[in-house]
């Protein structure tokens, strides 16, 4: 299962999902509570902090609900990132 989360409102998430044709669930984390738990909230001095944007991180959660791996997308090619995550999933299966 794939779930995406951002600090956008529900309305912004719906518009984004419709525009981009997303086939997976998006969660609105407008109060940043999920982002804080997963260390995705940027700290003062980090790039884009002043815009309130979260870090771009992918988490692989195991069947028991534990974080099995975390991938920081900073400066990464999205296609290469997806291939890395899929390869990691295959190796764990």
PDB file of N, CA and C in Angstrom:
ATOM      1  N   UNK A   1       0.846  -1.164   0.000  1.00  0.00           N
ATOM      2  CA  UNK A   1       0.000   0.000   0.000  1.00  0.00           C
ATOM      3  C   UNK A   1       0.902   1.241   0.000  1.00  0.00           C
ATOM      4  N   UNK A   2       0.519   2.228  -0.752  1.00  0.00           N
ATOM      5  CA  UNK A   2       1.252   3.492  -0.812  1.00  0.00           C
ATOM      6  C   UNK A   2       0.351   4.587  -0.258  1.00  0.00           C
ATOM      7  N   UNK A   3       0.912   5.365   0.664  1.00  0.00           N
ATOM      8  CA  UNK A   3       0.204   6.511   1.235  1.00  0.00           C
ATOM      9  C   UNK A   3       1.147   7.700   1.181  1.00  0.00           C
ATOM     10  N   UNK A   4       0.659   8.802   0.669  1.00  0.00           N
ATOM     11  CA  UNK A   4       1.438  10.031   0.635  1.00  0.00           C
ATOM     12  C   UNK A   4       0.889  11.016   1.650  1.00  0.00           C
ATOM     13  N   UNK A   5       1.761  11.800   2.245  1.00  0.00           N
ATOM     14  CA  UNK A   5       1.335  12.820   3.208  1.00  0.00           C
ATOM     15  C   UNK A   5       2.075  14.116   2.911  1.00  0.00           C
ATOM     16  N   UNK A   6       1.382  15.222   3.116  1.00  0.00           N
ATOM     17  CA  UNK A   6       2.025  16.528   2.995  1.00  0.00           C
ATOM     18  C   UNK A   6       1.361  17.481   3.966  1.00  0.00           C
ATOM     19  N   UNK A   7       1.938  18.664   4.100  1.00  0.00           N
ATOM     20  CA  UNK A   7       1.401  19.665   5.000  1.00  0.00           C
ATOM     21  C   UNK A   7       0.266  20.467   4.356  1.00  0.00           C
ATOM     22  N   UNK A   8      -0.160  20.082   3.167  1.00  0.00           N
ATOM     23  CA  UNK A   8      -1.250  20.776   2.480  1.00  0.00           C
ATOM     24  C   UNK A   8      -2.591  20.462   3.139  1.00  0.00           C
ATOM     25  N   UNK A   9      -3.575  21.313   2.868  1.00  0.00           N
ATOM     26  CA  UNK A   9      -4.933  21.080   3.368  1.00  0.00           C
ATOM     27  C   UNK A   9      -5.584  19.947   2.574  1.00  0.00           C
ATOM     28  N   UNK A  10      -6.711  19.476   3.063  1.00  0.00           N
ATOM     29  CA  UNK A  10      -7.465  18.428   2.361  1.00  0.00           C
ATOM     30  C   UNK A  10      -7.836  18.916   0.963  1.00  0.00           C
ATOM     31  N   UNK A  11      -8.287  20.155   0.871  1.00  0.00           N
ATOM     32  CA  UNK A  11      -8.687  20.711  -0.425  1.00  0.00           C
ATOM     33  C   UNK A  11      -7.507  20.754  -1.393  1.00  0.00           C
ATOM     34  N   UNK A  12      -6.349  21.185  -0.902  1.00  0.00           N
ATOM     35  CA  UNK A  12      -5.149  21.233  -1.746  1.00  0.00           C
ATOM     36  C   UNK A  12      -4.736  19.824  -2.181  1.00  0.00           C
ATOM     37  N   UNK A  13      -4.845  18.857  -1.282  1.00  0.00           N
ATOM     38  CA  UNK A  13      -4.519  17.474  -1.614  1.00  0.00           C
ATOM     39  C   UNK A  13      -5.451  16.941  -2.688  1.00  0.00           C
ATOM     40  N   UNK A  14      -6.748  17.202  -2.555  1.00  0.00           N
ATOM     41  CA  UNK A  14      -7.713  16.739  -3.554  1.00  0.00           C
ATOM     42  C   UNK A  14      -7.428  17.331  -4.925  1.00  0.00           C
ATOM     43  N   UNK A  15      -7.158  18.625  -4.965  1.00  0.00           N
ATOM     44  CA  UNK A  15      -6.835  19.280  -6.230  1.00  0.00           C
ATOM     45  C   UNK A  15      -5.578  18.681  -6.840  1.00  0.00           C
ATOM     46  N   UNK A  16      -4.537  18.506  -6.020  1.00  0.00           N
ATOM     47  CA  UNK A  16      -3.272  17.933  -6.490  1.00  0.00           C
ATOM     48  C   UNK A  16      -3.484  16.511  -7.014  1.00  0.00           C
ATOM     49  N   UNK A  17      -4.208  15.690  -6.268  1.00  0.00           N
ATOM     50  CA  UNK A  17      -4.447  14.305  -6.680  1.00  0.00           C
ATOM     51  C   UNK A  17      -5.219  14.249  -7.985  1.00  0.00           C
ATOM     52  N   UNK A  18      -6.222  15.106  -8.122  1.00  0.00           N
ATOM     53  CA  UNK A  18      -7.006  15.147  -9.362  1.00  0.00           C
ATOM     54  C   UNK A  18      -6.155  15.608 -10.533  1.00  0.00           C
ATOM     55  N   UNK A  19      -5.365  16.652 -10.336  1.00  0.00           N
ATOM     56  CA  UNK A  19      -4.524  17.202 -11.393  1.00  0.00           C
ATOM     57  C   UNK A  19      -3.468  16.202 -11.848  1.00  0.00           C
ATOM     58  N   UNK A  20      -2.847  15.521 -10.892  1.00  0.00           N
ATOM     59  CA  UNK A  20      -1.759  14.593 -11.202  1.00  0.00           C
ATOM     60  C   UNK A  20      -2.228  13.174 -11.476  1.00  0.00           C
ATOM     61  N   UNK A  21      -3.505  12.888 -11.235  1.00  0.00           N
ATOM     62  CA  UNK A  21      -4.036  11.547 -11.493  1.00  0.00           C
ATOM     63  C   UNK A  21      -3.474  10.488 -10.556  1.00  0.00           C
ATOM     64  N   UNK A  22      -3.267  10.838  -9.285  1.00  0.00           N
ATOM     65  CA  UNK A  22      -2.701   9.895  -8.328  1.00  0.00           C
ATOM     66  C   UNK A  22      -3.636   8.721  -8.106  1.00  0.00           C
ATOM     67  N   UNK A  23      -3.065   7.535  -8.050  1.00  0.00           N
ATOM     68  CA  UNK A  23      -3.836   6.324  -7.805  1.00  0.00           C
ATOM     69  C   UNK A  23      -3.642   5.797  -6.398  1.00  0.00           C
ATOM     70  N   UNK A  24      -3.136   6.623  -5.499  1.00  0.00           N
ATOM     71  CA  UNK A  24      -2.964   6.176  -4.123  1.00  0.00           C
ATOM     72  C   UNK A  24      -3.453   7.248  -3.164  1.00  0.00           C
ATOM     73  N   UNK A  25      -3.579   6.877  -1.906  1.00  0.00           N
ATOM     74  CA  UNK A  25      -4.130   7.746  -0.884  1.00  0.00           C
ATOM     75  C   UNK A  25      -3.158   8.850  -0.506  1.00  0.00           C
ATOM     76  N   UNK A  26      -3.685  10.062  -0.384  1.00  0.00           N
ATOM     77  CA  UNK A  26      -2.915  11.202   0.105  1.00  0.00           C
ATOM     78  C   UNK A  26      -3.532  11.664   1.425  1.00  0.00           C
ATOM     79  N   UNK A  27      -2.689  11.947   2.392  1.00  0.00           N
ATOM     80  CA  UNK A  27      -3.136  12.395   3.709  1.00  0.00           C
ATOM     81  C   UNK A  27      -2.753  13.855   3.890  1.00  0.00           C
ATOM     82  N   UNK A  28      -3.701  14.641   4.391  1.00  0.00           N
ATOM     83  CA  UNK A  28      -3.416  16.026   4.749  1.00  0.00           C
ATOM     84  C   UNK A  28      -2.873  16.053   6.173  1.00  0.00           C
ATOM     85  N   UNK A  29      -1.705  16.650   6.318  1.00  0.00           N
ATOM     86  CA  UNK A  29      -1.073  16.801   7.627  1.00  0.00           C
ATOM     87  C   UNK A  29      -0.862  18.291   7.881  1.00  0.00           C
ATOM     88  N   UNK A  30      -1.944  19.044   7.760  1.00  0.00           N
ATOM     89  CA  UNK A  30      -1.859  20.503   7.849  1.00  0.00           C
ATOM     90  C   UNK A  30      -1.334  20.979   9.202  1.00  0.00           C
ATOM     91  N   UNK A  31      -1.545  20.213  10.263  1.00  0.00           N
ATOM     92  CA  UNK A  31      -1.018  20.621  11.571  1.00  0.00           C
ATOM     93  C   UNK A  31       0.399  20.087  11.825  1.00  0.00           C
ATOM     94  N   UNK A  32       0.941  19.362  10.865  1.00  0.00           N
ATOM     95  CA  UNK A  32       2.309  18.839  10.860  1.00  0.00           C
ATOM     96  C   UNK A  32       2.581  17.802  11.952  1.00  0.00           C
ATOM     97  N   UNK A  33       1.543  17.232  12.535  1.00  0.00           N
ATOM     98  CA  UNK A  33       1.733  16.263  13.614  1.00  0.00           C
ATOM     99  C   UNK A  33       2.372  14.967  13.117  1.00  0.00           C
ATOM    100  N   UNK A  34       1.974  14.487  11.953  1.00  0.00           N
ATOM    101  CA  UNK A  34       2.582  13.282  11.379  1.00  0.00           C
ATOM    102  C   UNK A  34       4.025  13.583  10.977  1.00  0.00           C
ATOM    103  N   UNK A  35       4.228  14.734  10.347  1.00  0.00           N
ATOM    104  CA  UNK A  35       5.574  15.137   9.932  1.00  0.00           C
ATOM    105  C   UNK A  35       6.545  15.211  11.099  1.00  0.00           C
ATOM    106  N   UNK A  36       6.075  15.704  12.237  1.00  0.00           N
ATOM    107  CA  UNK A  36       6.940  15.765  13.420  1.00  0.00           C
ATOM    108  C   UNK A  36       7.310  14.356  13.885  1.00  0.00           C
ATOM    109  N   UNK A  37       6.332  13.458  13.913  1.00  0.00           N
ATOM    110  CA  UNK A  37       6.592  12.083  14.361  1.00  0.00           C
ATOM    111  C   UNK A  37       7.602  11.371  13.472  1.00  0.00           C
ATOM    112  N   UNK A  38       7.570  11.681  12.174  1.00  0.00           N
ATOM    113  CA  UNK A  38       8.461  11.024  11.215  1.00  0.00           C
ATOM    114  C   UNK A  38       9.663  11.897  10.835  1.00  0.00           C
ATOM    115  N   UNK A  39       9.910  12.934  11.597  1.00  0.00           N
ATOM    116  CA  UNK A  39      11.072  13.816  11.396  1.00  0.00           C
ATOM    117  C   UNK A  39      11.119  14.420   9.995  1.00  0.00           C
ATOM    118  N   UNK A  40       9.957  14.760   9.462  1.00  0.00           N
ATOM    119  CA  UNK A  40       9.876  15.365   8.131  1.00  0.00           C
ATOM    120  C   UNK A  40       9.749  16.881   8.193  1.00  0.00           C
ATOM    121  N   UNK A  41       9.548  17.421   9.373  1.00  0.00           N
ATOM    122  CA  UNK A  41       9.441  18.872   9.506  1.00  0.00           C
ATOM    123  C   UNK A  41      10.845  19.474   9.461  1.00  0.00           C
ATOM    124  N   UNK A  42      11.007  20.494   8.650  1.00  0.00           N
ATOM    125  CA  UNK A  42      12.316  21.144   8.503  1.00  0.00           C
ATOM    126  C   UNK A  42      12.625  22.003   9.727  1.00  0.00           C
ATOM    127  N   UNK A  43      13.902  22.126  10.008  1.00  0.00           N
ATOM    128  CA  UNK A  43      14.383  22.939  11.126  1.00  0.00           C
ATOM    129  C   UNK A  43      14.818  24.311  10.612  1.00  0.00           C
ATOM    130  N   UNK A  44      14.799  25.319  11.490  1.00  0.00           N
ATOM    131  CA  UNK A  44      15.294  26.639  11.072  1.00  0.00           C
ATOM    132  C   UNK A  44      16.708  26.524  10.499  1.00  0.00           C
ATOM    133  N   UNK A  45      16.929  27.206   9.385  1.00  0.00           N
ATOM    134  CA  UNK A  45      18.223  27.176   8.717  1.00  0.00           C
ATOM    135  C   UNK A  45      18.287  26.181   7.567  1.00  0.00           C
ATOM    136  N   UNK A  46      17.365  25.228   7.524  1.00  0.00           N
ATOM    137  CA  UNK A  46      17.334  24.276   6.409  1.00  0.00           C
ATOM    138  C   UNK A  46      16.711  24.939   5.186  1.00  0.00           C
ATOM    139  N   UNK A  47      17.099  24.462   4.008  1.00  0.00           N
ATOM    140  CA  UNK A  47      16.486  24.941   2.779  1.00  0.00           C
ATOM    141  C   UNK A  47      14.970  24.770   2.860  1.00  0.00           C
ATOM    142  N   UNK A  48      14.246  25.750   2.370  1.00  0.00           N
ATOM    143  CA  UNK A  48      12.786  25.753   2.265  1.00  0.00           C
ATOM    144  C   UNK A  48      12.058  25.821   3.603  1.00  0.00           C
ATOM    145  N   UNK A  49      12.783  25.984   4.703  1.00  0.00           N
ATOM    146  CA  UNK A  49      12.130  26.098   6.013  1.00  0.00           C
ATOM    147  C   UNK A  49      11.119  27.242   6.012  1.00  0.00           C
ATOM    148  N   UNK A  50      11.526  28.374   5.431  1.00  0.00           N
ATOM    149  CA  UNK A  50      10.664  29.559   5.459  1.00  0.00           C
ATOM    150  C   UNK A  50       9.356  29.362   4.698  1.00  0.00           C
ATOM    151  N   UNK A  51       9.293  28.349   3.840  1.00  0.00           N
ATOM    152  CA  UNK A  51       8.068  28.061   3.086  1.00  0.00           C
ATOM    153  C   UNK A  51       7.179  27.040   3.790  1.00  0.00           C
ATOM    154  N   UNK A  52       7.652  26.478   4.886  1.00  0.00           N
ATOM    155  CA  UNK A  52       6.856  25.499   5.622  1.00  0.00           C
ATOM    156  C   UNK A  52       6.743  24.151   4.938  1.00  0.00           C
ATOM    157  N   UNK A  53       7.685  23.863   4.036  1.00  0.00           N
ATOM    158  CA  UNK A  53       7.627  22.606   3.298  1.00  0.00           C
ATOM    159  C   UNK A  53       8.263  21.466   4.096  1.00  0.00           C
ATOM    160  N   UNK A  54       7.703  20.262   3.994  1.00  0.00           N
ATOM    161  CA  UNK A  54       8.317  19.118   4.681  1.00  0.00           C
ATOM    162  C   UNK A  54       9.540  18.625   3.915  1.00  0.00           C
ATOM    163  N   UNK A  55      10.368  17.862   4.599  1.00  0.00           N
ATOM    164  CA  UNK A  55      11.435  17.143   3.905  1.00  0.00           C
ATOM    165  C   UNK A  55      10.758  16.096   3.036  1.00  0.00           C
ATOM    166  N   UNK A  56      11.399  15.727   1.942  1.00  0.00           N
ATOM    167  CA  UNK A  56      10.854  14.685   1.065  1.00  0.00           C
ATOM    168  C   UNK A  56      11.510  13.368   1.449  1.00  0.00           C
ATOM    169  N   UNK A  57      10.766  12.560   2.176  1.00  0.00           N
ATOM    170  CA  UNK A  57      11.275  11.302   2.701  1.00  0.00           C
ATOM    171  C   UNK A  57      10.288  10.199   2.364  1.00  0.00           C
ATOM    172  N   UNK A  58      10.828   9.044   1.982  1.00  0.00           N
ATOM    173  CA  UNK A  58      10.009   7.860   1.788  1.00  0.00           C
ATOM    174  C   UNK A  58      10.327   6.899   2.925  1.00  0.00           C
ATOM    175  N   UNK A  59       9.281   6.353   3.529  1.00  0.00           N
ATOM    176  CA  UNK A  59       9.450   5.356   4.579  1.00  0.00           C
ATOM    177  C   UNK A  59       8.874   4.034   4.106  1.00  0.00           C
ATOM    178  N   UNK A  60       9.624   2.983   4.319  1.00  0.00           N
ATOM    179  CA  UNK A  60       9.161   1.624   4.045  1.00  0.00           C
ATOM    180  C   UNK A  60       8.755   1.056   5.401  1.00  0.00           C
ATOM    181  N   UNK A  61       7.479   0.760   5.556  1.00  0.00           N
ATOM    182  CA  UNK A  61       6.928   0.265   6.819  1.00  0.00           C
ATOM    183  C   UNK A  61       6.709  -1.239   6.687  1.00  0.00           C
ATOM    184  N   UNK A  62       7.216  -2.007   7.654  1.00  0.00           N
ATOM    185  CA  UNK A  62       7.066  -3.465   7.579  1.00  0.00           C
ATOM    186  C   UNK A  62       5.662  -3.883   8.028  1.00  0.00           C
ATOM    187  N   UNK A  63       5.303  -5.154   7.839  1.00  0.00           N
ATOM    188  CA  UNK A  63       3.956  -5.613   8.194  1.00  0.00           C
ATOM    189  C   UNK A  63       3.595  -5.420   9.673  1.00  0.00           C
ATOM    190  N   UNK A  64       4.589  -5.304  10.542  1.00  0.00           N
ATOM    191  CA  UNK A  64       4.327  -5.081  11.963  1.00  0.00           C
ATOM    192  C   UNK A  64       4.187  -3.594  12.300  1.00  0.00           C
ATOM    193  N   UNK A  65       4.316  -2.732  11.288  1.00  0.00           N
ATOM    194  CA  UNK A  65       4.157  -1.302  11.495  1.00  0.00           C
ATOM    195  C   UNK A  65       5.424  -0.570  11.876  1.00  0.00           C
ATOM    196  N   UNK A  66       6.573  -1.216  11.761  1.00  0.00           N
ATOM    197  CA  UNK A  66       7.855  -0.591  12.090  1.00  0.00           C
ATOM    198  C   UNK A  66       8.493   0.000  10.834  1.00  0.00           C
ATOM    199  N   UNK A  67       9.240   1.080  11.007  1.00  0.00           N
ATOM    200  CA  UNK A  67       9.988   1.664   9.896  1.00  0.00           C
ATOM    201  C   UNK A  67      11.143   0.716   9.574  1.00  0.00           C
ATOM    202  N   UNK A  68      11.089   0.121   8.377  1.00  0.00           N
ATOM    203  CA  UNK A  68      12.126  -0.817   7.940  1.00  0.00           C
ATOM    204  C   UNK A  68      13.251  -0.091   7.218  1.00  0.00           C
ATOM    205  N   UNK A  69      12.932   1.031   6.578  1.00  0.00           N
ATOM    206  CA  UNK A  69      13.928   1.812   5.856  1.00  0.00           C
ATOM    207  C   UNK A  69      13.386   3.223   5.650  1.00  0.00           C
ATOM    208  N   UNK A  70      14.307   4.172   5.557  1.00  0.00           N
ATOM    209  CA  UNK A  70      13.945   5.561   5.271  1.00  0.00           C
ATOM    210  C   UNK A  70      14.851   6.054   4.156  1.00  0.00           C
ATOM    211  N   UNK A  71      14.275   6.795   3.231  1.00  0.00           N
ATOM    212  CA  UNK A  71      15.003   7.278   2.062  1.00  0.00           C
ATOM    213  C   UNK A  71      14.787   8.781   1.957  1.00  0.00           C
ATOM    214  N   UNK A  72      15.868   9.544   2.030  1.00  0.00           N
ATOM    215  CA  UNK A  72      15.806  10.994   1.894  1.00  0.00           C
ATOM    216  C   UNK A  72      15.905  11.326   0.410  1.00  0.00           C
ATOM    217  N   UNK A  73      14.923  12.032  -0.116  1.00  0.00           N
ATOM    218  CA  UNK A  73      14.887  12.336  -1.543  1.00  0.00           C
ATOM    219  C   UNK A  73      15.642  13.604  -1.916  1.00  0.00           C
ATOM    220  N   UNK A  74      16.278  14.265  -0.987  1.00  0.00           N
ATOM    221  CA  UNK A  74      16.974  15.519  -1.278  1.00  0.00           C
ATOM    222  C   UNK A  74      17.908  15.360  -2.467  1.00  0.00           C
ATOM    223  N   UNK A  75      17.581  16.046  -3.555  1.00  0.00           N
ATOM    224  CA  UNK A  75      18.433  16.052  -4.740  1.00  0.00           C
ATOM    225  C   UNK A  75      18.446  14.764  -5.539  1.00  0.00           C
ATOM    226  N   UNK A  76      17.598  13.808  -5.194  1.00  0.00           N
ATOM    227  CA  UNK A  76      17.594  12.534  -5.915  1.00  0.00           C
ATOM    228  C   UNK A  76      16.663  12.582  -7.125  1.00  0.00           C
ATOM    229  N   UNK A  77      17.020  11.802  -8.118  1.00  0.00           N
ATOM    230  CA  UNK A  77      16.166  11.593  -9.278  1.00  0.00           C
ATOM    231  C   UNK A  77      15.007  10.700  -8.844  1.00  0.00           C
ATOM    232  N   UNK A  78      13.777  11.120  -9.121  1.00  0.00           N
ATOM    233  CA  UNK A  78      12.608  10.374  -8.649  1.00  0.00           C
ATOM    234  C   UNK A  78      12.519   8.972  -9.251  1.00  0.00           C
ATOM    235  N   UNK A  79      12.884   8.818 -10.509  1.00  0.00           N
ATOM    236  CA  UNK A  79      12.833   7.488 -11.133  1.00  0.00           C
ATOM    237  C   UNK A  79      13.851   6.554 -10.483  1.00  0.00           C
ATOM    238  N   UNK A  80      15.045   7.058 -10.222  1.00  0.00           N
ATOM    239  CA  UNK A  80      16.071   6.249  -9.564  1.00  0.00           C
ATOM    240  C   UNK A  80      15.640   5.910  -8.137  1.00  0.00           C
ATOM    241  N   UNK A  81      15.017   6.870  -7.471  1.00  0.00           N
ATOM    242  CA  UNK A  81      14.523   6.642  -6.112  1.00  0.00           C
ATOM    243  C   UNK A  81      13.476   5.529  -6.100  1.00  0.00           C
ATOM    244  N   UNK A  82      12.520   5.612  -7.007  1.00  0.00           N
ATOM    245  CA  UNK A  82      11.469   4.592  -7.079  1.00  0.00           C
ATOM    246  C   UNK A  82      12.075   3.216  -7.342  1.00  0.00           C
ATOM    247  N   UNK A  83      13.035   3.144  -8.218  1.00  0.00           N
ATOM    248  CA  UNK A  83      13.687   1.872  -8.523  1.00  0.00           C
ATOM    249  C   UNK A  83      14.401   1.325  -7.287  1.00  0.00           C
ATOM    250  N   UNK A  84      15.055   2.198  -6.520  1.00  0.00           N
ATOM    251  CA  UNK A  84      15.745   1.780  -5.298  1.00  0.00           C
ATOM    252  C   UNK A  84      14.756   1.212  -4.271  1.00  0.00           C
ATOM    253  N   UNK A  85      13.654   1.902  -4.080  1.00  0.00           N
ATOM    254  CA  UNK A  85      12.646   1.445  -3.103  1.00  0.00           C
ATOM    255  C   UNK A  85      12.034   0.118  -3.559  1.00  0.00           C
ATOM    256  N   UNK A  86      11.693   0.010  -4.842  1.00  0.00           N
ATOM    257  CA  UNK A  86      11.111  -1.230  -5.345  1.00  0.00           C
ATOM    258  C   UNK A  86      12.090  -2.395  -5.217  1.00  0.00           C
ATOM    259  N   UNK A  87      13.359  -2.142  -5.471  1.00  0.00           N
ATOM    260  CA  UNK A  87      14.388  -3.188  -5.328  1.00  0.00           C
ATOM    261  C   UNK A  87      14.501  -3.610  -3.863  1.00  0.00           C
ATOM    262  N   UNK A  88      14.414  -2.648  -2.957  1.00  0.00           N
ATOM    263  CA  UNK A  88      14.487  -2.967  -1.533  1.00  0.00           C
ATOM    264  C   UNK A  88      13.277  -3.792  -1.099  1.00  0.00           C
ATOM    265  N   UNK A  89      12.107  -3.437  -1.599  1.00  0.00           N
ATOM    266  CA  UNK A  89      10.905  -4.216  -1.285  1.00  0.00           C
ATOM    267  C   UNK A  89      11.064  -5.650  -1.796  1.00  0.00           C
ATOM    268  N   UNK A  90      11.521  -5.781  -3.023  1.00  0.00           N
ATOM    269  CA  UNK A  90      11.719  -7.129  -3.615  1.00  0.00           C
ATOM    270  C   UNK A  90      12.716  -7.938  -2.797  1.00  0.00           C
ATOM    271  N   UNK A  91      13.780  -7.301  -2.327  1.00  0.00           N
ATOM    272  CA  UNK A  91      14.800  -8.010  -1.548  1.00  0.00           C
ATOM    273  C   UNK A  91      14.246  -8.461  -0.196  1.00  0.00           C
ATOM    274  N   UNK A  92      13.271  -7.752   0.332  1.00  0.00           N
ATOM    275  CA  UNK A  92      12.686  -8.089   1.638  1.00  0.00           C
ATOM    276  C   UNK A  92      11.526  -9.077   1.517  1.00  0.00           C
ATOM    277  N   UNK A  93      11.081  -9.315   0.296  1.00  0.00           N
ATOM    278  CA  UNK A  93       9.899 -10.183   0.096  1.00  0.00           C
ATOM    279  C   UNK A  93      10.259 -11.640   0.012  1.00  0.00           C
TER     280      UNK A  93
END
